[in-house]
Amino acid sequence: MKNVLIASFDMEVGGVERSLINILESFDYNNYNVDLMLYRHKGDFMKLLRGKFNILDEIEEYTTFRKSIL
């Protein structure tokens, strides 16, 4: 069994997030262990995340990646 880690910022409505949901629905979970790392557990698409993958705990320090420098 192979391990896969997918990282994304959040699950706000957008093309990347929709593609991520499609990828997660397409995995063969008999051959892959999938972990999803979201920097923020927010967004309208959070409710669409269901499956045999593991959503890792949110780490507050990682949300600083998206703070404005101005």
PDB file of N, CA and C in Angstrom:
ATOM      1  N   MET A   1       0.854  -1.181   0.000  1.00  0.00           N
ATOM      2  CA  MET A   1       0.000   0.000   0.000  1.00  0.00           C
ATOM      3  C   MET A   1       0.896   1.239   0.000  1.00  0.00           C
ATOM      4  N   LYS A   2       0.584   2.195  -0.844  1.00  0.00           N
ATOM      5  CA  LYS A   2       1.363   3.432  -0.943  1.00  0.00           C
ATOM      6  C   LYS A   2       0.676   4.548  -0.170  1.00  0.00           C
ATOM      7  N   ASN A   3       1.497   5.440   0.382  1.00  0.00           N
ATOM      8  CA  ASN A   3       0.990   6.590   1.122  1.00  0.00           C
ATOM      9  C   ASN A   3       1.023   7.827   0.238  1.00  0.00           C
ATOM     10  N   VAL A   4      -0.055   8.627   0.316  1.00  0.00           N
ATOM     11  CA  VAL A   4      -0.167   9.855  -0.464  1.00  0.00           C
ATOM     12  C   VAL A   4      -0.553  10.985   0.486  1.00  0.00           C
ATOM     13  N   LEU A   5       0.146  12.113   0.369  1.00  0.00           N
ATOM     14  CA  LEU A   5      -0.196  13.319   1.119  1.00  0.00           C
ATOM     15  C   LEU A   5      -0.580  14.399   0.117  1.00  0.00           C
ATOM     16  N   ILE A   6      -1.772  14.961   0.293  1.00  0.00           N
ATOM     17  CA  ILE A   6      -2.237  16.067  -0.547  1.00  0.00           C
ATOM     18  C   ILE A   6      -2.400  17.274   0.367  1.00  0.00           C
ATOM     19  N   ALA A   7      -1.814  18.405  -0.027  1.00  0.00           N
ATOM     20  CA  ALA A   7      -1.907  19.629   0.770  1.00  0.00           C
ATOM     21  C   ALA A   7      -2.596  20.719  -0.037  1.00  0.00           C
ATOM     22  N   SER A   8      -3.474  21.451   0.635  1.00  0.00           N
ATOM     23  CA  SER A   8      -4.158  22.582   0.018  1.00  0.00           C
ATOM     24  C   SER A   8      -4.454  23.592   1.120  1.00  0.00           C
ATOM     25  N   PHE A   9      -4.726  24.832   0.735  1.00  0.00           N
ATOM     26  CA  PHE A   9      -4.929  25.857   1.758  1.00  0.00           C
ATOM     27  C   PHE A   9      -6.263  25.702   2.480  1.00  0.00           C
ATOM     28  N   ASP A  10      -7.359  25.666   1.742  1.00  0.00           N
ATOM     29  CA  ASP A  10      -8.683  25.520   2.341  1.00  0.00           C
ATOM     30  C   ASP A  10      -9.619  24.940   1.294  1.00  0.00           C
ATOM     31  N   MET A  11     -10.910  24.916   1.591  1.00  0.00           N
ATOM     32  CA  MET A  11     -11.889  24.348   0.662  1.00  0.00           C
ATOM     33  C   MET A  11     -12.928  25.387   0.252  1.00  0.00           C
ATOM     34  N   GLU A  12     -12.477  26.636   0.061  1.00  0.00           N
ATOM     35  CA  GLU A  12     -13.353  27.663  -0.495  1.00  0.00           C
ATOM     36  C   GLU A  12     -13.717  27.259  -1.925  1.00  0.00           C
ATOM     37  N   VAL A  13     -14.783  27.817  -2.451  1.00  0.00           N
ATOM     38  CA  VAL A  13     -15.266  27.461  -3.782  1.00  0.00           C
ATOM     39  C   VAL A  13     -14.261  27.921  -4.836  1.00  0.00           C
ATOM     40  N   GLY A  14     -13.798  26.969  -5.634  1.00  0.00           N
ATOM     41  CA  GLY A  14     -12.850  27.287  -6.696  1.00  0.00           C
ATOM     42  C   GLY A  14     -12.528  26.051  -7.517  1.00  0.00           C
ATOM     43  N   GLY A  15     -11.828  26.262  -8.608  1.00  0.00           N
ATOM     44  CA  GLY A  15     -11.500  25.169  -9.520  1.00  0.00           C
ATOM     45  C   GLY A  15     -10.540  24.159  -8.929  1.00  0.00           C
ATOM     46  N   VAL A  16      -9.539  24.637  -8.196  1.00  0.00           N
ATOM     47  CA  VAL A  16      -8.576  23.722  -7.576  1.00  0.00           C
ATOM     48  C   VAL A  16      -9.279  22.832  -6.561  1.00  0.00           C
ATOM     49  N   GLU A  17     -10.146  23.426  -5.777  1.00  0.00           N
ATOM     50  CA  GLU A  17     -10.857  22.667  -4.746  1.00  0.00           C
ATOM     51  C   GLU A  17     -11.805  21.639  -5.365  1.00  0.00           C
ATOM     52  N   ARG A  18     -12.485  22.005  -6.440  1.00  0.00           N
ATOM     53  CA  ARG A  18     -13.376  21.067  -7.136  1.00  0.00           C
ATOM     54  C   ARG A  18     -12.556  19.914  -7.704  1.00  0.00           C
ATOM     55  N   SER A  19     -11.405  20.208  -8.287  1.00  0.00           N
ATOM     56  CA  SER A  19     -10.528  19.156  -8.822  1.00  0.00           C
ATOM     57  C   SER A  19     -10.022  18.254  -7.710  1.00  0.00           C
ATOM     58  N   LEU A  20      -9.707  18.832  -6.567  1.00  0.00           N
ATOM     59  CA  LEU A  20      -9.256  18.042  -5.421  1.00  0.00           C
ATOM     60  C   LEU A  20     -10.330  17.054  -4.987  1.00  0.00           C
ATOM     61  N   ILE A  21     -11.565  17.496  -4.927  1.00  0.00           N
ATOM     62  CA  ILE A  21     -12.667  16.599  -4.564  1.00  0.00           C
ATOM     63  C   ILE A  21     -12.779  15.465  -5.578  1.00  0.00           C
ATOM     64  N   ASN A  22     -12.676  15.781  -6.860  1.00  0.00           N
ATOM     65  CA  ASN A  22     -12.745  14.743  -7.897  1.00  0.00           C
ATOM     66  C   ASN A  22     -11.600  13.744  -7.769  1.00  0.00           C
ATOM     67  N   ILE A  23     -10.401  14.228  -7.483  1.00  0.00           N
ATOM     68  CA  ILE A  23      -9.257  13.327  -7.292  1.00  0.00           C
ATOM     69  C   ILE A  23      -9.498  12.406  -6.105  1.00  0.00           C
ATOM     70  N   LEU A  24      -9.968  12.979  -4.997  1.00  0.00           N
ATOM     71  CA  LEU A  24     -10.213  12.167  -3.803  1.00  0.00           C
ATOM     72  C   LEU A  24     -11.288  11.112  -4.048  1.00  0.00           C
ATOM     73  N   GLU A  25     -12.265  11.420  -4.877  1.00  0.00           N
ATOM     74  CA  GLU A  25     -13.317  10.451  -5.198  1.00  0.00           C
ATOM     75  C   GLU A  25     -12.823   9.369  -6.149  1.00  0.00           C
ATOM     76  N   SER A  26     -11.710   9.610  -6.842  1.00  0.00           N
ATOM     77  CA  SER A  26     -11.206   8.674  -7.849  1.00  0.00           C
ATOM     78  C   SER A  26     -10.145   7.708  -7.333  1.00  0.00           C
ATOM     79  N   PHE A  27      -9.597   7.960  -6.158  1.00  0.00           N
ATOM     80  CA  PHE A  27      -8.537   7.097  -5.639  1.00  0.00           C
ATOM     81  C   PHE A  27      -9.032   5.676  -5.413  1.00  0.00           C
ATOM     82  N   ASP A  28      -8.155   4.714  -5.649  1.00  0.00           N
ATOM     83  CA  ASP A  28      -8.398   3.318  -5.292  1.00  0.00           C
ATOM     84  C   ASP A  28      -7.848   3.122  -3.884  1.00  0.00           C
ATOM     85  N   TYR A  29      -8.720   3.228  -2.902  1.00  0.00           N
ATOM     86  CA  TYR A  29      -8.295   3.187  -1.508  1.00  0.00           C
ATOM     87  C   TYR A  29      -7.872   1.789  -1.056  1.00  0.00           C
ATOM     88  N   ASN A  30      -7.991   0.798  -1.921  1.00  0.00           N
ATOM     89  CA  ASN A  30      -7.430  -0.518  -1.627  1.00  0.00           C
ATOM     90  C   ASN A  30      -5.920  -0.522  -1.847  1.00  0.00           C
ATOM     91  N   ASN A  31      -5.423   0.438  -2.623  1.00  0.00           N
ATOM     92  CA  ASN A  31      -3.995   0.504  -2.935  1.00  0.00           C
ATOM     93  C   ASN A  31      -3.289   1.728  -2.353  1.00  0.00           C
ATOM     94  N   TYR A  32      -4.055   2.694  -1.830  1.00  0.00           N
ATOM     95  CA  TYR A  32      -3.460   3.941  -1.351  1.00  0.00           C
ATOM     96  C   TYR A  32      -4.032   4.344   0.002  1.00  0.00           C
ATOM     97  N   ASN A  33      -3.148   4.807   0.886  1.00  0.00           N
ATOM     98  CA  ASN A  33      -3.536   5.507   2.110  1.00  0.00           C
ATOM     99  C   ASN A  33      -3.388   6.987   1.808  1.00  0.00           C
ATOM    100  N   VAL A  34      -4.466   7.743   1.910  1.00  0.00           N
ATOM    101  CA  VAL A  34      -4.442   9.152   1.519  1.00  0.00           C
ATOM    102  C   VAL A  34      -4.688  10.031   2.740  1.00  0.00           C
ATOM    103  N   ASP A  35      -3.770  10.996   2.945  1.00  0.00           N
ATOM    104  CA  ASP A  35      -3.927  12.024   3.968  1.00  0.00           C
ATOM    105  C   ASP A  35      -4.141  13.355   3.267  1.00  0.00           C
ATOM    106  N   LEU A  36      -5.097  14.130   3.763  1.00  0.00           N
ATOM    107  CA  LEU A  36      -5.377  15.462   3.230  1.00  0.00           C
ATOM    108  C   LEU A  36      -4.995  16.483   4.291  1.00  0.00           C
ATOM    109  N   MET A  37      -4.077  17.369   3.936  1.00  0.00           N
ATOM    110  CA  MET A  37      -3.650  18.425   4.852  1.00  0.00           C
ATOM    111  C   MET A  37      -4.200  19.751   4.349  1.00  0.00           C
ATOM    112  N   LEU A  38      -5.093  20.330   5.125  1.00  0.00           N
ATOM    113  CA  LEU A  38      -5.649  21.648   4.811  1.00  0.00           C
ATOM    114  C   LEU A  38      -5.104  22.636   5.831  1.00  0.00           C
ATOM    115  N   TYR A  39      -4.563  23.735   5.356  1.00  0.00           N
ATOM    116  CA  TYR A  39      -4.023  24.728   6.278  1.00  0.00           C
ATOM    117  C   TYR A  39      -5.128  25.370   7.106  1.00  0.00           C
ATOM    118  N   ARG A  40      -6.315  25.488   6.509  1.00  0.00           N
ATOM    119  CA  ARG A  40      -7.494  25.967   7.240  1.00  0.00           C
ATOM    120  C   ARG A  40      -8.649  25.028   6.927  1.00  0.00           C
ATOM    121  N   HIS A  41      -9.380  24.598   7.928  1.00  0.00           N
ATOM    122  CA  HIS A  41     -10.542  23.731   7.730  1.00  0.00           C
ATOM    123  C   HIS A  41     -11.782  24.601   7.539  1.00  0.00           C
ATOM    124  N   LYS A  42     -11.787  25.368   6.454  1.00  0.00           N
ATOM    125  CA  LYS A  42     -12.893  26.284   6.172  1.00  0.00           C
ATOM    126  C   LYS A  42     -13.229  26.224   4.697  1.00  0.00           C
ATOM    127  N   GLY A  43     -14.451  26.658   4.389  1.00  0.00           N
ATOM    128  CA  GLY A  43     -14.870  26.754   3.001  1.00  0.00           C
ATOM    129  C   GLY A  43     -16.137  25.965   2.737  1.00  0.00           C
ATOM    130  N   ASP A  44     -16.860  26.398   1.713  1.00  0.00           N
ATOM    131  CA  ASP A  44     -18.130  25.768   1.359  1.00  0.00           C
ATOM    132  C   ASP A  44     -17.969  24.313   0.939  1.00  0.00           C
ATOM    133  N   PHE A  45     -16.805  23.946   0.422  1.00  0.00           N
ATOM    134  CA  PHE A  45     -16.604  22.574  -0.051  1.00  0.00           C
ATOM    135  C   PHE A  45     -16.215  21.601   1.063  1.00  0.00           C
ATOM    136  N   MET A  46     -16.030  22.085   2.291  1.00  0.00           N
ATOM    137  CA  MET A  46     -15.688  21.170   3.395  1.00  0.00           C
ATOM    138  C   MET A  46     -16.752  20.084   3.543  1.00  0.00           C
ATOM    139  N   LYS A  47     -18.008  20.455   3.340  1.00  0.00           N
ATOM    140  CA  LYS A  47     -19.099  19.489   3.516  1.00  0.00           C
ATOM    141  C   LYS A  47     -19.082  18.394   2.450  1.00  0.00           C
ATOM    142  N   LEU A  48     -18.336  18.605   1.364  1.00  0.00           N
ATOM    143  CA  LEU A  48     -18.237  17.600   0.302  1.00  0.00           C
ATOM    144  C   LEU A  48     -17.116  16.593   0.548  1.00  0.00           C
ATOM    145  N   LEU A  49     -16.314  16.828   1.582  1.00  0.00           N
ATOM    146  CA  LEU A  49     -15.198  15.930   1.875  1.00  0.00           C
ATOM    147  C   LEU A  49     -15.696  14.739   2.679  1.00  0.00           C
ATOM    148  N   ARG A  50     -15.832  13.635   2.002  1.00  0.00           N
ATOM    149  CA  ARG A  50     -16.175  12.389   2.681  1.00  0.00           C
ATOM    150  C   ARG A  50     -15.562  11.257   1.884  1.00  0.00           C
ATOM    151  N   GLY A  51     -15.083  10.304   2.584  1.00  0.00           N
ATOM    152  CA  GLY A  51     -14.441   9.186   1.910  1.00  0.00           C
ATOM    153  C   GLY A  51     -13.530   8.439   2.855  1.00  0.00           C
ATOM    154  N   LYS A  52     -12.691   7.628   2.286  1.00  0.00           N
ATOM    155  CA  LYS A  52     -11.806   6.776   3.070  1.00  0.00           C
ATOM    156  C   LYS A  52     -10.442   7.408   3.295  1.00  0.00           C
ATOM    157  N   PHE A  53     -10.336   8.708   3.130  1.00  0.00           N
ATOM    158  CA  PHE A  53      -9.078   9.408   3.358  1.00  0.00           C
ATOM    159  C   PHE A  53      -9.099  10.057   4.737  1.00  0.00           C
ATOM    160  N   ASN A  54      -7.923  10.426   5.206  1.00  0.00           N
ATOM    161  CA  ASN A  54      -7.758  11.011   6.525  1.00  0.00           C
ATOM    162  C   ASN A  54      -7.516  12.512   6.383  1.00  0.00           C
ATOM    163  N   ILE A  55      -8.319  13.328   7.066  1.00  0.00           N
ATOM    164  CA  ILE A  55      -8.082  14.770   7.095  1.00  0.00           C
ATOM    165  C   ILE A  55      -7.233  15.061   8.327  1.00  0.00           C
ATOM    166  N   LEU A  56      -6.022  15.562   8.098  1.00  0.00           N
ATOM    167  CA  LEU A  56      -5.109  15.854   9.196  1.00  0.00           C
ATOM    168  C   LEU A  56      -5.588  17.069   9.978  1.00  0.00           C
ATOM    169  N   ASP A  57      -5.221  17.120  11.247  1.00  0.00           N
ATOM    170  CA  ASP A  57      -5.607  18.243  12.096  1.00  0.00           C
ATOM    171  C   ASP A  57      -5.044  19.552  11.559  1.00  0.00           C
ATOM    172  N   GLU A  58      -5.815  20.608  11.748  1.00  0.00           N
ATOM    173  CA  GLU A  58      -5.370  21.946  11.347  1.00  0.00           C
ATOM    174  C   GLU A  58      -4.257  22.406  12.285  1.00  0.00           C
ATOM    175  N   ILE A  59      -3.211  22.984  11.719  1.00  0.00           N
ATOM    176  CA  ILE A  59      -2.103  23.526  12.504  1.00  0.00           C
ATOM    177  C   ILE A  59      -2.126  25.039  12.316  1.00  0.00           C
ATOM    178  N   GLU A  60      -2.463  25.747  13.375  1.00  0.00           N
ATOM    179  CA  GLU A  60      -2.703  27.189  13.283  1.00  0.00           C
ATOM    180  C   GLU A  60      -1.509  27.952  12.707  1.00  0.00           C
ATOM    181  N   GLU A  61      -0.309  27.533  13.040  1.00  0.00           N
ATOM    182  CA  GLU A  61       0.876  28.247  12.556  1.00  0.00           C
ATOM    183  C   GLU A  61       0.975  28.224  11.031  1.00  0.00           C
ATOM    184  N   TYR A  62       0.417  27.232  10.374  1.00  0.00           N
ATOM    185  CA  TYR A  62       0.511  27.129   8.919  1.00  0.00           C
ATOM    186  C   TYR A  62      -0.383  28.127   8.199  1.00  0.00           C
ATOM    187  N   THR A  63      -1.370  28.699   8.878  1.00  0.00           N
ATOM    188  CA  THR A  63      -2.252  29.668   8.232  1.00  0.00           C
ATOM    189  C   THR A  63      -1.525  30.974   7.946  1.00  0.00           C
ATOM    190  N   THR A  64      -0.356  31.173   8.522  1.00  0.00           N
ATOM    191  CA  THR A  64       0.399  32.401   8.271  1.00  0.00           C
ATOM    192  C   THR A  64       0.898  32.470   6.839  1.00  0.00           C
ATOM    193  N   PHE A  65       0.892  31.356   6.120  1.00  0.00           N
ATOM    194  CA  PHE A  65       1.344  31.356   4.738  1.00  0.00           C
ATOM    195  C   PHE A  65       0.511  32.277   3.856  1.00  0.00           C
ATOM    196  N   ARG A  66      -0.690  32.593   4.268  1.00  0.00           N
ATOM    197  CA  ARG A  66      -1.570  33.376   3.415  1.00  0.00           C
ATOM    198  C   ARG A  66      -1.840  34.775   3.962  1.00  0.00           C
ATOM    199  N   LYS A  67      -1.137  35.195   4.976  1.00  0.00           N
ATOM    200  CA  LYS A  67      -1.342  36.529   5.521  1.00  0.00           C
ATOM    201  C   LYS A  67      -0.656  37.563   4.637  1.00  0.00           C
ATOM    202  N   SER A  68      -1.294  38.698   4.498  1.00  0.00           N
ATOM    203  CA  SER A  68      -0.746  39.777   3.679  1.00  0.00           C
ATOM    204  C   SER A  68       0.504  40.358   4.333  1.00  0.00           C
ATOM    205  N   ILE A  69       1.475  40.719   3.513  1.00  0.00           N
ATOM    206  CA  ILE A  69       2.687  41.327   4.055  1.00  0.00           C
ATOM    207  C   ILE A  69       2.568  42.846   4.131  1.00  0.00           C
ATOM    208  N   LEU A  70       1.467  43.388   3.667  1.00  0.00           N
ATOM    209  CA  LEU A  70       1.268  44.845   3.708  1.00  0.00           C
ATOM    210  C   LEU A  70       0.436  45.261   4.888  1.00  0.00           C
TER     211      LEU A  70
END
